[in-house]
Protein backbone atom coordinates (compact mmCIF):
# COMPACT_ATOMS: atom_id res chain seq x y z
CA MET A 1 -0.52 6.62 -3.11
CA SER A 2 0.20 2.93 -3.01
CA GLY A 3 1.93 0.84 -0.37
CA LEU A 4 4.37 -2.01 -0.60
CA PRO A 5 5.99 -2.97 -2.89
CA LEU A 6 5.74 0.33 -4.82
CA VAL A 7 6.39 2.68 -1.89
CA TRP A 8 8.76 2.35 1.05
CA GLY A 9 9.68 5.18 3.43
CA ALA A 10 8.42 7.92 1.09
CA SER A 11 5.96 10.60 2.13
CA ALA A 12 2.80 11.31 0.12
CA ALA A 13 4.47 14.46 -1.23
CA GLU A 14 7.53 12.48 -2.37
CA VAL A 15 5.35 9.93 -4.13
CA LEU A 16 3.30 12.64 -5.88
CA ARG A 17 6.34 14.78 -6.82
CA ASP A 18 7.36 14.87 -10.47
CA TYR A 19 10.82 13.43 -11.12
CA PRO A 20 12.81 13.49 -14.39
CA ALA A 21 12.68 9.66 -14.52
CA ASP A 22 8.90 9.93 -14.91
CA ARG A 23 9.45 11.38 -18.38
CA LEU A 24 11.95 8.74 -19.56
CA VAL A 25 9.45 5.89 -19.82
CA GLU A 26 6.46 6.12 -22.13
CA PRO A 27 3.18 6.14 -20.18
CA PRO A 28 1.42 4.36 -18.80
CA ALA A 29 4.26 3.48 -16.50
CA VAL A 30 4.69 2.06 -13.02
CA ALA A 31 6.58 4.21 -10.50
CA MET A 32 8.33 2.97 -7.36
CA THR A 33 9.38 5.49 -4.72
CA ARG A 34 11.72 4.70 -1.83
CA ALA A 35 13.09 7.21 0.68
CA VAL A 36 15.02 7.51 3.91
CA THR A 37 15.70 10.32 6.38
CA VAL A 38 19.38 11.00 6.97
CA ALA A 39 20.65 12.80 10.10
CA ALA A 40 23.28 14.60 8.03
CA SER A 41 23.40 17.69 5.86
CA PRO A 42 22.06 17.48 2.30
CA GLU A 43 25.63 18.13 1.10
CA LEU A 44 26.97 15.07 2.93
CA ALA A 45 24.01 12.90 1.89
CA TRP A 46 24.62 14.00 -1.73
CA ARG A 47 28.30 13.04 -1.52
CA TRP A 48 27.32 9.57 -0.37
CA LEU A 49 24.72 9.32 -3.11
CA CYS A 50 27.47 10.18 -5.63
CA GLN A 51 29.38 7.14 -4.35
CA THR A 52 26.97 4.97 -6.34
CA ALA A 53 29.27 5.74 -9.29
CA VAL A 54 31.74 3.19 -7.87
CA ALA A 55 29.49 0.64 -6.16
CA PRO A 56 25.82 -0.15 -5.61
CA TYR A 57 25.93 -0.07 -1.77
CA SER A 58 23.35 -2.82 -1.52
CA TYR A 59 24.06 -6.53 -1.07
CA ASP A 60 27.65 -6.67 -2.30
CA LEU A 61 27.66 -10.44 -2.68
CA LEU A 62 24.73 -10.24 -5.10
CA ASP A 63 25.21 -7.01 -6.99
CA ASN A 64 28.89 -6.18 -6.66
CA ARG A 65 30.39 -9.62 -7.38
CA GLY A 66 31.38 -9.97 -3.74
CA ARG A 67 33.50 -6.81 -3.63
CA ARG A 68 32.76 -4.58 -0.68
CA SER A 69 31.33 -1.16 -1.48
CA PRO A 70 33.84 1.47 -0.25
CA PRO A 71 33.14 2.48 3.36
CA GLU A 72 34.79 5.89 2.88
CA LEU A 73 34.12 8.68 0.39
CA THR A 74 36.09 8.43 -2.83
CA PRO A 75 37.86 11.72 -3.68
CA GLY A 76 36.63 13.35 -6.88
CA LEU A 77 33.14 11.84 -6.87
CA ASP A 78 31.37 15.10 -6.09
CA GLU A 79 29.08 15.16 -9.13
CA PRO A 80 27.82 12.54 -11.55
CA GLU A 81 28.35 13.42 -15.21
CA VAL A 82 25.87 13.05 -18.05
CA GLY A 83 26.94 9.96 -19.97
CA GLY A 84 28.57 8.43 -16.87
CA ARG A 85 27.44 5.25 -15.18
CA MET A 86 25.78 5.01 -11.76
CA VAL A 87 24.79 1.99 -9.65
CA MET A 88 26.52 -0.12 -12.31
CA VAL A 89 23.48 -0.14 -14.66
CA TYR A 90 22.25 3.41 -15.25
CA ASP A 91 23.58 5.77 -17.93
CA VAL A 92 23.23 9.27 -16.48
CA THR A 93 20.92 11.43 -18.60
CA ALA A 94 20.60 14.53 -16.38
CA VAL A 95 22.16 16.03 -13.26
CA ARG A 96 21.02 18.84 -11.02
CA PRO A 97 24.27 19.40 -9.06
CA GLY A 98 23.94 18.79 -5.34
CA GLU A 99 20.30 17.75 -5.70
CA GLN A 100 19.60 14.87 -8.08
CA TRP A 101 20.77 12.66 -10.90
CA THR A 102 18.66 10.76 -13.39
CA GLY A 103 19.55 7.76 -15.51
CA ARG A 104 18.23 5.03 -17.72
CA THR A 105 19.39 1.46 -18.17
CA GLY A 106 22.18 1.15 -20.71
CA PRO A 107 21.94 -1.28 -23.65
CA LEU A 108 23.39 -4.31 -21.83
CA ALA A 109 21.36 -3.78 -18.66
CA GLU A 110 18.25 -3.14 -20.75
CA ARG A 111 18.65 -6.52 -22.49
CA ILE A 112 18.83 -8.20 -19.09
CA ALA A 113 16.42 -6.16 -16.95
CA GLY A 114 14.36 -4.20 -19.48
CA THR A 115 13.82 -0.47 -19.58
CA LEU A 116 14.30 1.19 -16.21
CA ALA A 117 14.58 4.90 -15.48
CA VAL A 118 15.61 6.29 -12.11
CA THR A 119 16.03 9.59 -10.32
CA TYR A 120 17.96 9.76 -7.06
CA ALA A 121 17.38 13.01 -5.18
CA VAL A 122 18.49 14.64 -1.94
CA HIS A 123 16.18 17.13 -0.23
CA PRO A 124 16.64 19.18 2.95
CA ASP A 125 14.66 17.92 5.93
CA PRO A 126 14.28 19.21 9.52
CA ALA A 127 16.18 16.08 10.64
CA GLY A 128 18.97 16.75 8.11
CA SER A 129 18.06 15.44 4.66
CA ARG A 130 16.05 12.92 2.71
CA ILE A 131 17.36 10.62 0.00
CA VAL A 132 14.64 9.62 -2.44
CA CYS A 133 14.87 7.02 -5.20
CA ARG A 134 12.19 7.01 -7.91
CA MET A 135 12.29 4.11 -10.38
CA VAL A 136 9.94 4.00 -13.36
CA VAL A 137 9.24 1.01 -15.61
CA PRO A 138 6.85 0.44 -18.53
CA GLY A 139 3.28 -0.51 -17.63
CA ARG A 140 1.42 -0.43 -20.94
CA THR A 141 0.65 -4.13 -21.27
CA ARG A 142 -0.54 -6.70 -18.76
CA ALA A 143 2.81 -8.51 -19.05
CA GLN A 144 4.67 -5.26 -18.30
CA ARG A 145 2.48 -4.58 -15.26
CA VAL A 146 3.04 -8.12 -13.93
CA ARG A 147 6.79 -7.73 -14.53
CA ALA A 148 6.70 -4.34 -12.77
CA GLN A 149 5.09 -5.85 -9.65
CA ALA A 150 7.70 -8.62 -9.53
CA LEU A 151 10.49 -6.12 -10.09
CA ALA A 152 9.04 -3.88 -7.37
CA TRP A 153 9.51 -6.59 -4.72
CA GLY A 154 13.12 -7.27 -5.72
CA ASP A 155 13.87 -3.58 -6.05
CA LEU A 156 12.35 -2.94 -2.62
CA VAL A 157 14.80 -5.35 -1.00
CA MET A 158 17.84 -3.98 -2.88
CA ILE A 159 17.07 -0.24 -2.72
CA ARG A 160 16.03 -0.41 0.94
CA LYS A 161 19.44 -1.92 1.75
CA GLN A 162 21.19 0.66 -0.46
CA LEU A 163 19.43 3.65 1.12
CA LEU A 164 20.01 2.36 4.65
CA THR A 165 23.70 1.78 3.88
CA LEU A 166 24.13 5.30 2.46
CA GLN A 167 22.21 6.68 5.44
CA GLY A 168 24.51 4.87 7.88
CA TYR A 169 27.70 6.13 6.25
CA ALA A 170 26.44 9.72 5.97
CA GLU A 171 25.29 9.75 9.59
CA ARG A 172 28.59 8.24 10.72
CA ASP A 173 30.51 10.95 8.86
CA ALA A 174 28.22 13.68 10.26
CA ARG A 175 29.10 12.54 13.80
CA ARG A 176 32.86 12.64 13.12
């Protein structure tokens, strides 16, 4: 297990777990795992994770063109669909309803950011639930590994904010 910038908030088991995103990038690859505990049911955490179909829930000024990510659940966003778009850049390739969705950068995002694969998962936890984000990028060449390390720092900042935002909204709704 590695520390920052590749891992934030994830347990050793979450880092070692196999995710569908791991199979979407040809090895050797670099994996980044971020996670947060949510004091809300897995069902509620999943609903908030599905909200990433309409907004990134990170730094809205940077990654949502200044528009505020919706602070309330959007009706009808209960399940991502294969072929749909999540977090504005990922084309959904697989969904395990109520548990996880996996995606890969679409053609435009891939031209800008390169190949990225991601799995977002919700798992039950004694405190409520855990939201885990696993991102995988190519790591075959030295240039790809250097790029992966740089990307890991930027991703750490953005995904940390995203997971904490989703955590806050899910916990708020659980208290209501």
